[in-house]
Amino acid sequence: MARTLITFLSSLAVVTSLSVNPASAQSRGGGHAVTPSQARPSAPAQPAGPAKGSEGTRGHDGSNKPAPMTVAQRIDAHPQLVTQLTPLLPSGVTLDAAAQGFKNQGQFIAALHVSHNLNIPFDKLKAEMTGADHDSLGKAIQDLQPTADAKAAAKTAEAQARADLKAAGKTTPVKKTDADKDNDGK
């Protein structure tokens, strides 16, 4: 009888141990600990970025799209446009430095023309347009030269910018600088 009881208990222990493992695999348990051989290395063996020498091929968002061109780079791509704009630049100022901060080519070129046409120092006009307030061209003209017809001066400069771009073979339209909005109703 003792032998039968021992055999029965042994069989029960085997059956119980075999049935517990599948049941624990079905639950939402905490999982298993990761052994050192399974752990990922803290740093990849090779960088995930682009190969050396191709840093400029990625966009600012990390995609494989080329990074957007700056206003100065867009202008530099058209030598005829550079030739037209160079005389409008303040003495000792490069195209890159002058164009920095402007939203687009049209805005920059129109600002160069306003500075030249109205004898407004370009650095002051640029500060009004690209500074903390981001004034429109018309508003910047009003602030810097209150006696000038800001609306007409802005329209003239925008037309000159369009003509410069057209002569250089660019078809990008010059966006209005909100000169109409700034001066309507005033």
C-alpha atoms as a PDB file:
ATOM      1  CA  MET A   1       0.000   0.000   0.000  1.00  0.00           C
ATOM      2  CA  ALA A   2       2.770   2.379   0.768  1.00  0.00           C
ATOM      3  CA  ARG A   3       4.272   1.586  -2.554  1.00  0.00           C
ATOM      4  CA  THR A   4       1.002   2.446  -4.317  1.00  0.00           C
ATOM      5  CA  LEU A   5       0.740   5.698  -2.386  1.00  0.00           C
ATOM      6  CA  ILE A   6       4.300   6.709  -3.328  1.00  0.00           C
ATOM      7  CA  THR A   7       3.681   5.858  -6.986  1.00  0.00           C
ATOM      8  CA  PHE A   8       0.431   7.808  -6.943  1.00  0.00           C
ATOM      9  CA  LEU A   9       2.030  10.895  -5.324  1.00  0.00           C
ATOM     10  CA  SER A  10       4.979  10.751  -7.706  1.00  0.00           C
ATOM     11  CA  SER A  11       2.656  10.569 -10.700  1.00  0.00           C
ATOM     12  CA  LEU A  12       0.601  13.432  -9.307  1.00  0.00           C
ATOM     13  CA  ALA A  13       3.738  15.537  -8.845  1.00  0.00           C
ATOM     14  CA  VAL A  14       4.852  14.892 -12.436  1.00  0.00           C
ATOM     15  CA  VAL A  15       1.423  15.708 -13.865  1.00  0.00           C
ATOM     16  CA  THR A  16       1.153  18.856 -11.742  1.00  0.00           C
ATOM     17  CA  SER A  17       4.583  20.126 -12.726  1.00  0.00           C
ATOM     18  CA  LEU A  18       3.887  19.514 -16.409  1.00  0.00           C
ATOM     19  CA  SER A  19       0.529  21.287 -16.301  1.00  0.00           C
ATOM     20  CA  VAL A  20       1.808  24.415 -14.471  1.00  0.00           C
ATOM     21  CA  ASN A  21       4.284  25.489 -17.183  1.00  0.00           C
ATOM     22  CA  PRO A  22       1.757  25.753 -20.049  1.00  0.00           C
ATOM     23  CA  ALA A  23      -0.656  27.607 -17.791  1.00  0.00           C
ATOM     24  CA  SER A  24       1.965  30.171 -16.802  1.00  0.00           C
ATOM     25  CA  ALA A  25       2.849  30.725 -20.454  1.00  0.00           C
ATOM     26  CA  GLN A  26      -0.746  31.727 -21.148  1.00  0.00           C
ATOM     27  CA  SER A  27      -0.973  34.345 -18.416  1.00  0.00           C
ATOM     28  CA  ARG A  28       0.121  37.953 -18.621  1.00  0.00           C
ATOM     29  CA  GLY A  29       3.080  37.367 -16.420  1.00  0.00           C
ATOM     30  CA  GLY A  30       6.046  39.673 -16.118  1.00  0.00           C
ATOM     31  CA  GLY A  31       8.006  37.751 -18.684  1.00  0.00           C
ATOM     32  CA  HIS A  32      11.498  36.415 -18.423  1.00  0.00           C
ATOM     33  CA  ALA A  33      14.626  38.239 -17.457  1.00  0.00           C
ATOM     34  CA  VAL A  34      16.982  39.103 -20.281  1.00  0.00           C
ATOM     35  CA  THR A  35      20.265  37.310 -20.020  1.00  0.00           C
ATOM     36  CA  PRO A  36      23.428  39.248 -20.820  1.00  0.00           C
ATOM     37  CA  SER A  37      23.833  37.338 -24.087  1.00  0.00           C
ATOM     38  CA  GLN A  38      20.340  38.456 -25.175  1.00  0.00           C
ATOM     39  CA  ALA A  39      20.767  42.118 -24.231  1.00  0.00           C
ATOM     40  CA  ARG A  40      21.302  44.647 -26.998  1.00  0.00           C
ATOM     41  CA  PRO A  41      24.531  46.598 -27.022  1.00  0.00           C
ATOM     42  CA  SER A  42      24.189  50.122 -25.635  1.00  0.00           C
ATOM     43  CA  ALA A  43      25.700  51.657 -28.777  1.00  0.00           C
ATOM     44  CA  PRO A  44      25.449  50.345 -32.335  1.00  0.00           C
ATOM     45  CA  ALA A  45      28.613  49.036 -33.910  1.00  0.00           C
ATOM     46  CA  GLN A  46      28.235  51.504 -36.802  1.00  0.00           C
ATOM     47  CA  PRO A  47      26.381  54.813 -36.850  1.00  0.00           C
ATOM     48  CA  ALA A  48      22.888  54.651 -38.302  1.00  0.00           C
ATOM     49  CA  GLY A  49      23.327  57.981 -40.114  1.00  0.00           C
ATOM     50  CA  PRO A  50      24.610  58.641 -43.615  1.00  0.00           C
ATOM     51  CA  ALA A  51      28.088  57.641 -44.663  1.00  0.00           C
ATOM     52  CA  LYS A  52      30.897  60.121 -44.193  1.00  0.00           C
ATOM     53  CA  GLY A  53      30.913  62.877 -46.749  1.00  0.00           C
ATOM     54  CA  SER A  54      27.143  62.836 -47.285  1.00  0.00           C
ATOM     55  CA  GLU A  55      26.067  64.932 -44.294  1.00  0.00           C
ATOM     56  CA  GLY A  56      24.309  67.438 -46.530  1.00  0.00           C
ATOM     57  CA  THR A  57      21.994  64.870 -48.095  1.00  0.00           C
ATOM     58  CA  ARG A  58      19.574  64.601 -45.203  1.00  0.00           C
ATOM     59  CA  GLY A  59      16.826  67.016 -44.365  1.00  0.00           C
ATOM     60  CA  HIS A  60      16.444  68.637 -40.964  1.00  0.00           C
ATOM     61  CA  ASP A  61      13.823  66.023 -40.086  1.00  0.00           C
ATOM     62  CA  GLY A  62      16.289  63.144 -40.603  1.00  0.00           C
ATOM     63  CA  SER A  63      14.648  61.992 -43.822  1.00  0.00           C
ATOM     64  CA  ASN A  64      16.579  61.247 -46.975  1.00  0.00           C
ATOM     65  CA  LYS A  65      15.160  64.361 -48.616  1.00  0.00           C
ATOM     66  CA  PRO A  66      17.754  67.041 -49.322  1.00  0.00           C
ATOM     67  CA  ALA A  67      17.903  69.848 -46.799  1.00  0.00           C
ATOM     68  CA  PRO A  68      16.015  72.924 -48.006  1.00  0.00           C
ATOM     69  CA  MET A  69      18.140  75.520 -49.760  1.00  0.00           C
ATOM     70  CA  THR A  70      18.648  78.885 -48.122  1.00  0.00           C
ATOM     71  CA  VAL A  71      17.593  82.089 -49.864  1.00  0.00           C
ATOM     72  CA  ALA A  72      21.240  82.849 -50.674  1.00  0.00           C
ATOM     73  CA  GLN A  73      21.797  79.345 -52.116  1.00  0.00           C
ATOM     74  CA  ARG A  74      18.765  79.733 -54.368  1.00  0.00           C
ATOM     75  CA  ILE A  75      20.069  83.059 -55.645  1.00  0.00           C
ATOM     76  CA  ASP A  76      23.646  81.762 -56.024  1.00  0.00           C
ATOM     77  CA  ALA A  77      22.286  79.069 -58.341  1.00  0.00           C
ATOM     78  CA  HIS A  78      21.457  81.835 -60.853  1.00  0.00           C
ATOM     79  CA  PRO A  79      24.576  83.844 -61.782  1.00  0.00           C
ATOM     80  CA  GLN A  80      22.541  86.429 -63.701  1.00  0.00           C
ATOM     81  CA  LEU A  81      20.487  87.131 -60.573  1.00  0.00           C
ATOM     82  CA  VAL A  82      23.668  87.470 -58.495  1.00  0.00           C
ATOM     83  CA  THR A  83      24.942  90.009 -61.037  1.00  0.00           C
ATOM     84  CA  GLN A  84      21.709  92.016 -60.777  1.00  0.00           C
ATOM     85  CA  LEU A  85      21.604  92.012 -56.981  1.00  0.00           C
ATOM     86  CA  THR A  86      25.268  92.586 -56.117  1.00  0.00           C
ATOM     87  CA  PRO A  87      25.116  96.366 -56.766  1.00  0.00           C
ATOM     88  CA  LEU A  88      22.150  96.606 -54.368  1.00  0.00           C
ATOM     89  CA  LEU A  89      24.038  94.993 -51.478  1.00  0.00           C
ATOM     90  CA  PRO A  90      25.470  97.275 -48.803  1.00  0.00           C
ATOM     91  CA  SER A  91      29.218  97.791 -49.025  1.00  0.00           C
ATOM     92  CA  GLY A  92      31.173  94.955 -47.418  1.00  0.00           C
ATOM     93  CA  VAL A  93      28.126  92.697 -46.947  1.00  0.00           C
ATOM     94  CA  THR A  94      28.001  89.288 -48.619  1.00  0.00           C
ATOM     95  CA  LEU A  95      24.902  87.885 -50.269  1.00  0.00           C
ATOM     96  CA  ASP A  96      24.787  85.132 -47.626  1.00  0.00           C
ATOM     97  CA  ALA A  97      24.885  87.592 -44.737  1.00  0.00           C
ATOM     98  CA  ALA A  98      22.352  89.940 -46.310  1.00  0.00           C
ATOM     99  CA  ALA A  99      19.856  87.164 -47.122  1.00  0.00           C
ATOM    100  CA  GLN A 100      20.044  85.463 -43.728  1.00  0.00           C
ATOM    101  CA  GLY A 101      16.723  85.565 -41.897  1.00  0.00           C
ATOM    102  CA  PHE A 102      14.474  86.324 -44.875  1.00  0.00           C
ATOM    103  CA  LYS A 103      11.629  83.889 -45.524  1.00  0.00           C
ATOM    104  CA  ASN A 104      12.010  83.756 -49.309  1.00  0.00           C
ATOM    105  CA  GLN A 105      13.831  85.218 -52.309  1.00  0.00           C
ATOM    106  CA  GLY A 106      11.072  87.637 -53.203  1.00  0.00           C
ATOM    107  CA  GLN A 107      10.997  89.189 -49.739  1.00  0.00           C
ATOM    108  CA  PHE A 108      14.791  89.555 -49.711  1.00  0.00           C
ATOM    109  CA  ILE A 109      15.067  91.011 -53.211  1.00  0.00           C
ATOM    110  CA  ALA A 110      12.195  93.449 -52.597  1.00  0.00           C
ATOM    111  CA  ALA A 111      13.919  94.598 -49.383  1.00  0.00           C
ATOM    112  CA  LEU A 112      17.146  95.216 -51.322  1.00  0.00           C
ATOM    113  CA  HIS A 113      15.224  97.353 -53.814  1.00  0.00           C
ATOM    114  CA  VAL A 114      13.425  99.350 -51.101  1.00  0.00           C
ATOM    115  CA  SER A 115      16.739 100.017 -49.377  1.00  0.00           C
ATOM    116  CA  HIS A 116      18.243 101.192 -52.657  1.00  0.00           C
ATOM    117  CA  ASN A 117      15.189 103.168 -53.869  1.00  0.00           C
ATOM    118  CA  LEU A 118      14.478 105.011 -50.614  1.00  0.00           C
ATOM    119  CA  ASN A 119      18.022 105.203 -49.221  1.00  0.00           C
ATOM    120  CA  ILE A 120      16.979 103.263 -46.132  1.00  0.00           C
ATOM    121  CA  PRO A 121      19.953 101.495 -44.522  1.00  0.00           C
ATOM    122  CA  PHE A 122      19.548  97.830 -45.409  1.00  0.00           C
ATOM    123  CA  ASP A 123      20.553  96.596 -41.955  1.00  0.00           C
ATOM    124  CA  LYS A 124      17.732  98.617 -40.362  1.00  0.00           C
ATOM    125  CA  LEU A 125      15.176  97.426 -42.926  1.00  0.00           C
ATOM    126  CA  LYS A 126      16.332  93.839 -42.448  1.00  0.00           C
ATOM    127  CA  ALA A 127      16.093  94.163 -38.660  1.00  0.00           C
ATOM    128  CA  GLU A 128      12.490  95.387 -38.950  1.00  0.00           C
ATOM    129  CA  MET A 129      11.527  92.541 -41.283  1.00  0.00           C
ATOM    130  CA  THR A 130      13.401  89.645 -39.691  1.00  0.00           C
ATOM    131  CA  GLY A 131      13.525  90.744 -36.053  1.00  0.00           C
ATOM    132  CA  ALA A 132      11.207  89.739 -33.232  1.00  0.00           C
ATOM    133  CA  ASP A 133       8.167  91.525 -34.717  1.00  0.00           C
ATOM    134  CA  HIS A 134       8.673  90.275 -38.317  1.00  0.00           C
ATOM    135  CA  ASP A 135       7.188  93.405 -39.859  1.00  0.00           C
ATOM    136  CA  SER A 136       5.983  93.255 -43.449  1.00  0.00           C
ATOM    137  CA  LEU A 137       7.858  95.277 -46.035  1.00  0.00           C
ATOM    138  CA  GLY A 138       5.190  97.995 -46.000  1.00  0.00           C
ATOM    139  CA  LYS A 139       5.198  98.244 -42.190  1.00  0.00           C
ATOM    140  CA  ALA A 140       9.003  98.358 -42.102  1.00  0.00           C
ATOM    141  CA  ILE A 141       8.990 101.218 -44.636  1.00  0.00           C
ATOM    142  CA  GLN A 142       6.407 103.108 -42.543  1.00  0.00           C
ATOM    143  CA  ASP A 143       8.479 102.657 -39.395  1.00  0.00           C
ATOM    144  CA  LEU A 144      11.778 103.703 -40.965  1.00  0.00           C
ATOM    145  CA  GLN A 145      10.571 106.439 -43.314  1.00  0.00           C
ATOM    146  CA  PRO A 146       7.167 107.726 -42.178  1.00  0.00           C
ATOM    147  CA  THR A 147       6.966 110.338 -44.970  1.00  0.00           C
ATOM    148  CA  ALA A 148       7.309 107.743 -47.750  1.00  0.00           C
ATOM    149  CA  ASP A 149       4.309 106.194 -49.494  1.00  0.00           C
ATOM    150  CA  ALA A 150       4.950 102.737 -48.044  1.00  0.00           C
ATOM    151  CA  LYS A 151       2.304 101.008 -50.140  1.00  0.00           C
ATOM    152  CA  ALA A 152       3.640 102.388 -53.433  1.00  0.00           C
ATOM    153  CA  ALA A 153       7.270 101.766 -52.448  1.00  0.00           C
ATOM    154  CA  ALA A 154       6.507  98.158 -51.532  1.00  0.00           C
ATOM    155  CA  LYS A 155       4.604  97.577 -54.790  1.00  0.00           C
ATOM    156  CA  THR A 156       7.468  99.075 -56.810  1.00  0.00           C
ATOM    157  CA  ALA A 157      10.050  96.917 -55.026  1.00  0.00           C
ATOM    158  CA  GLU A 158       7.928  93.785 -55.481  1.00  0.00           C
ATOM    159  CA  ALA A 159       7.619  94.525 -59.211  1.00  0.00           C
ATOM    160  CA  GLN A 160      11.398  95.017 -59.416  1.00  0.00           C
ATOM    161  CA  ALA A 161      11.947  91.720 -57.600  1.00  0.00           C
ATOM    162  CA  ARG A 162       9.603  89.916 -60.017  1.00  0.00           C
ATOM    163  CA  ALA A 163      11.459  91.475 -62.958  1.00  0.00           C
ATOM    164  CA  ASP A 164      14.827  90.385 -61.522  1.00  0.00           C
ATOM    165  CA  LEU A 165      13.607  86.826 -61.063  1.00  0.00           C
ATOM    166  CA  LYS A 166      12.037  86.725 -64.516  1.00  0.00           C
ATOM    167  CA  ALA A 167      15.217  88.039 -66.160  1.00  0.00           C
ATOM    168  CA  ALA A 168      17.197  85.337 -64.368  1.00  0.00           C
ATOM    169  CA  GLY A 169      14.835  82.671 -65.697  1.00  0.00           C
ATOM    170  CA  LYS A 170      13.090  82.096 -62.377  1.00  0.00           C
ATOM    171  CA  THR A 171       9.343  81.668 -62.457  1.00  0.00           C
ATOM    172  CA  THR A 172       8.821  81.785 -58.687  1.00  0.00           C
ATOM    173  CA  PRO A 173       6.243  84.479 -57.962  1.00  0.00           C
ATOM    174  CA  VAL A 174       7.054  87.221 -55.496  1.00  0.00           C
ATOM    175  CA  LYS A 175       4.536  87.044 -52.703  1.00  0.00           C
ATOM    176  CA  LYS A 176       2.889  90.234 -51.598  1.00  0.00           C
ATOM    177  CA  THR A 177       4.456  91.592 -48.450  1.00  0.00           C
ATOM    178  CA  ASP A 178       1.158  92.620 -46.894  1.00  0.00           C
ATOM    179  CA  ALA A 179       1.825  96.251 -47.834  1.00  0.00           C
ATOM    180  CA  ASP A 180      -1.792  96.469 -48.947  1.00  0.00           C
ATOM    181  CA  LYS A 181      -3.010  95.138 -45.591  1.00  0.00           C
ATOM    182  CA  ASP A 182      -0.726  97.469 -43.630  1.00  0.00           C
ATOM    183  CA  ASN A 183      -1.966 100.562 -45.388  1.00  0.00           C
ATOM    184  CA  ASP A 184      -5.622  99.759 -46.027  1.00  0.00           C
ATOM    185  CA  GLY A 185      -7.875 101.799 -43.832  1.00  0.00           C
ATOM    186  CA  LYS A 186      -5.096 104.071 -42.578  1.00  0.00           C
END
